[in-house]
Protein backbone atom coordinates (compact mmCIF):
# COMPACT_ATOMS: atom_id res chain seq x y z
CA MET A 1 -5.92 -11.78 8.88
CA LYS A 2 -7.27 -14.82 7.03
CA THR A 3 -10.70 -13.21 6.68
CA ARG A 4 -9.12 -10.45 4.60
CA LEU A 5 -7.70 -12.81 1.97
CA VAL A 6 -10.90 -12.92 -0.13
CA PRO A 7 -11.06 -9.12 -0.63
CA LEU A 8 -7.30 -9.17 -1.20
CA ALA A 9 -7.67 -11.85 -3.88
CA ILE A 10 -10.41 -9.83 -5.58
CA PHE A 11 -8.26 -6.70 -5.55
CA LEU A 12 -5.27 -8.61 -6.93
CA ALA A 13 -7.39 -10.01 -9.77
CA VAL A 14 -8.56 -6.48 -10.66
CA ALA A 15 -5.02 -5.10 -10.40
CA LEU A 16 -3.58 -7.84 -12.60
CA THR A 17 -6.36 -7.29 -15.16
CA PHE A 18 -5.55 -3.58 -15.16
CA LEU A 19 -1.86 -4.28 -15.70
CA THR A 20 -2.61 -6.74 -18.49
CA LEU A 21 -4.88 -4.25 -20.28
CA HIS A 22 -2.33 -1.47 -19.89
CA ALA A 23 0.33 -2.81 -22.23
CA SER A 24 3.82 -1.72 -21.30
CA ALA A 25 5.49 0.68 -23.67
CA GLY A 26 9.17 1.64 -23.66
CA GLY A 27 10.31 3.13 -20.36
CA GLU A 28 7.39 1.84 -18.30
CA THR A 29 7.65 -0.32 -15.20
CA ASP A 30 4.81 -2.40 -13.77
CA VAL A 31 4.70 -2.67 -9.99
CA SER A 32 2.19 -4.97 -8.33
CA GLY A 33 1.75 -6.70 -5.04
CA ALA A 34 -0.67 -8.33 -2.68
CA GLY A 35 -0.14 -9.93 0.69
CA GLU A 36 0.38 -9.43 4.38
CA ALA A 37 3.25 -7.63 6.06
CA SER A 38 4.29 -6.99 9.65
CA PHE A 39 5.75 -4.09 11.61
CA ALA A 40 8.46 -4.42 14.23
CA ASP A 41 7.30 -3.68 17.78
CA GLY A 42 6.70 -0.03 18.56
CA ALA A 43 5.06 1.07 15.28
CA THR A 44 2.21 3.55 15.78
CA TYR A 45 -0.18 5.70 13.76
CA ASN A 46 -2.57 8.29 15.19
CA GLY A 47 -1.93 7.03 18.72
CA LEU A 48 -2.66 3.40 17.85
CA SER A 49 -0.18 0.54 17.99
CA LEU A 50 0.31 -1.16 14.60
CA SER A 51 1.12 -4.85 14.11
CA GLY A 52 0.85 -5.32 10.36
CA SER A 53 -1.16 -4.86 7.20
CA THR A 54 -2.97 -6.53 4.36
CA PHE A 55 -2.24 -4.79 1.06
CA GLY A 56 -2.80 -4.80 -2.67
CA PHE A 57 -1.61 -2.47 -5.41
CA GLY A 58 -1.21 -2.31 -9.16
CA VAL A 59 0.79 0.55 -10.67
CA THR A 60 2.41 1.41 -13.99
CA LEU A 61 5.31 3.86 -13.71
CA ALA A 62 6.14 5.93 -16.78
CA GLY A 63 9.69 7.07 -17.47
CA ASP A 64 8.63 10.73 -17.08
CA GLY A 65 7.62 10.45 -13.39
CA THR A 66 3.91 9.98 -13.98
CA ALA A 67 2.12 6.82 -12.89
CA VAL A 68 -1.33 5.26 -12.91
CA GLY A 69 -2.74 2.72 -10.52
CA ASN A 70 -4.36 2.01 -7.19
CA LEU A 71 -3.38 1.15 -3.64
CA ASP A 72 -5.47 -0.57 -0.97
CA ILE A 73 -3.97 -1.22 2.44
CA ALA A 74 -5.58 -2.18 5.74
CA LEU A 75 -3.33 -1.43 8.70
CA VAL A 76 -4.01 -3.66 11.72
CA ALA A 77 -4.15 -1.35 14.73
CA HIS A 78 -4.64 -1.90 18.45
CA SER A 79 -6.12 0.69 20.82
CA PRO A 80 -4.58 1.35 24.24
CA LEU A 81 -7.37 -0.82 25.69
CA GLY A 82 -6.39 -3.72 23.43
CA GLY A 83 -9.22 -3.55 20.90
CA GLU A 84 -8.32 -4.30 17.28
CA GLN A 85 -9.36 -2.05 14.40
CA GLU A 86 -8.41 -1.63 10.76
CA ILE A 87 -7.18 1.63 9.33
CA VAL A 88 -8.13 1.45 5.66
CA VAL A 89 -6.16 3.44 3.08
CA VAL A 90 -7.46 3.61 -0.50
CA GLY A 91 -5.19 5.54 -2.82
CA ASP A 92 -5.13 6.83 -6.38
CA VAL A 93 -1.55 6.75 -7.72
CA ARG A 94 -0.49 9.84 -9.67
CA GLY A 95 3.29 9.69 -9.82
CA GLY A 96 6.26 7.45 -9.17
CA ARG A 97 9.70 6.24 -10.12
CA LEU A 98 11.98 3.25 -10.25
CA ASN A 99 14.86 3.82 -7.81
CA VAL A 100 18.54 3.10 -8.39
CA ASP A 101 18.50 0.30 -5.77
CA GLY A 102 15.73 -1.54 -7.67
CA SER A 103 12.92 -0.46 -5.36
CA ALA A 104 9.94 1.52 -6.62
CA THR A 105 8.33 4.59 -5.07
CA PHE A 106 4.89 5.87 -5.98
CA GLY A 107 2.31 8.15 -4.48
CA GLY A 108 -0.81 10.19 -4.84
CA MET A 109 -3.89 10.99 -2.81
CA ALA A 110 -5.80 8.65 -0.52
CA THR A 111 -8.88 8.32 1.61
CA VAL A 112 -8.07 7.15 5.15
CA ASP A 113 -10.71 5.49 7.33
CA LEU A 114 -9.48 5.09 10.91
CA GLY A 115 -12.05 2.38 11.57
CA ASP A 116 -13.30 4.11 14.70
CA GLY A 117 -16.64 5.37 13.44
CA THR A 118 -15.41 8.83 12.44
CA LEU A 119 -15.79 10.01 8.86
CA PRO A 120 -12.91 9.02 6.53
CA ALA A 121 -10.37 11.73 5.70
CA GLY A 122 -10.04 12.48 1.99
CA ASP A 123 -7.17 13.86 -0.07
CA VAL A 124 -4.47 12.56 2.26
CA PRO A 125 -1.13 12.48 0.41
CA PHE A 126 0.71 9.16 0.49
CA THR A 127 3.99 7.74 -0.75
CA LEU A 128 4.78 4.03 -0.78
CA THR A 129 8.24 2.54 -1.38
CA VAL A 130 8.30 -1.17 -2.18
CA THR A 131 10.90 -3.91 -2.62
CA ALA A 132 10.49 -7.65 -3.06
CA GLN A 133 10.98 -7.94 0.74
CA GLY A 134 8.54 -5.34 2.01
CA LEU A 135 7.09 -1.85 1.95
CA GLN A 136 7.20 1.51 3.71
CA LEU A 137 4.32 3.99 3.78
CA LEU A 138 4.37 7.76 4.28
CA LEU A 139 0.80 8.75 5.12
CA GLY A 140 0.20 12.49 5.32
CA THR A 141 3.17 13.72 7.35
CA THR A 142 3.63 10.42 9.23
CA GLN A 143 6.42 8.11 8.08
CA LEU A 144 5.53 4.58 9.17
CA PRO A 145 8.32 2.08 9.84
CA ALA A 146 9.19 -0.44 7.14
CA GLN A 147 7.06 -3.58 7.01
CA SER A 148 8.44 -7.03 6.25
CA LEU A 149 6.55 -9.19 3.75
CA ASP A 150 5.04 -12.24 5.48
CA LEU A 151 2.68 -13.62 2.85
CA GLY A 152 2.13 -12.88 -0.83
CA GLY A 153 4.51 -11.06 -3.12
CA ILE A 154 5.68 -7.82 -4.67
CA SER A 155 6.79 -7.60 -8.30
CA ILE A 156 8.71 -4.79 -9.99
CA ASP A 157 8.97 -5.46 -13.75
């Protein structure tokens, strides 16, 4: 996962610049994060075993349920034969909210590249719920298990 830190750092710099340029007005919440997270054993997506992810996002939630921002996440997957591949999700955030428990949920449409040589799928709906301790992704109709933050951070301000 160390080889993914440079693109992650670049994304975080762009996300933080976006959040700085988008000055917060009343009722808005900035949600940002970058790092690595891990799944408990048994997590799967599209028939592949998942071990973790590298992620970055920058989102501004408005009090009316709208949101603007971006999500980039690379899920680390393992084929039944043991080969590793990355499932890359690039999302455009269109809506979201701050939850009563202090977590934030946002979503929109994404492009999903399974990393297996097939064409990426476009317009895949996604929802991501984040806390300071981790994240949980709903991708299309598949709810992935919660991931625990291993490296980096998530901020909800």
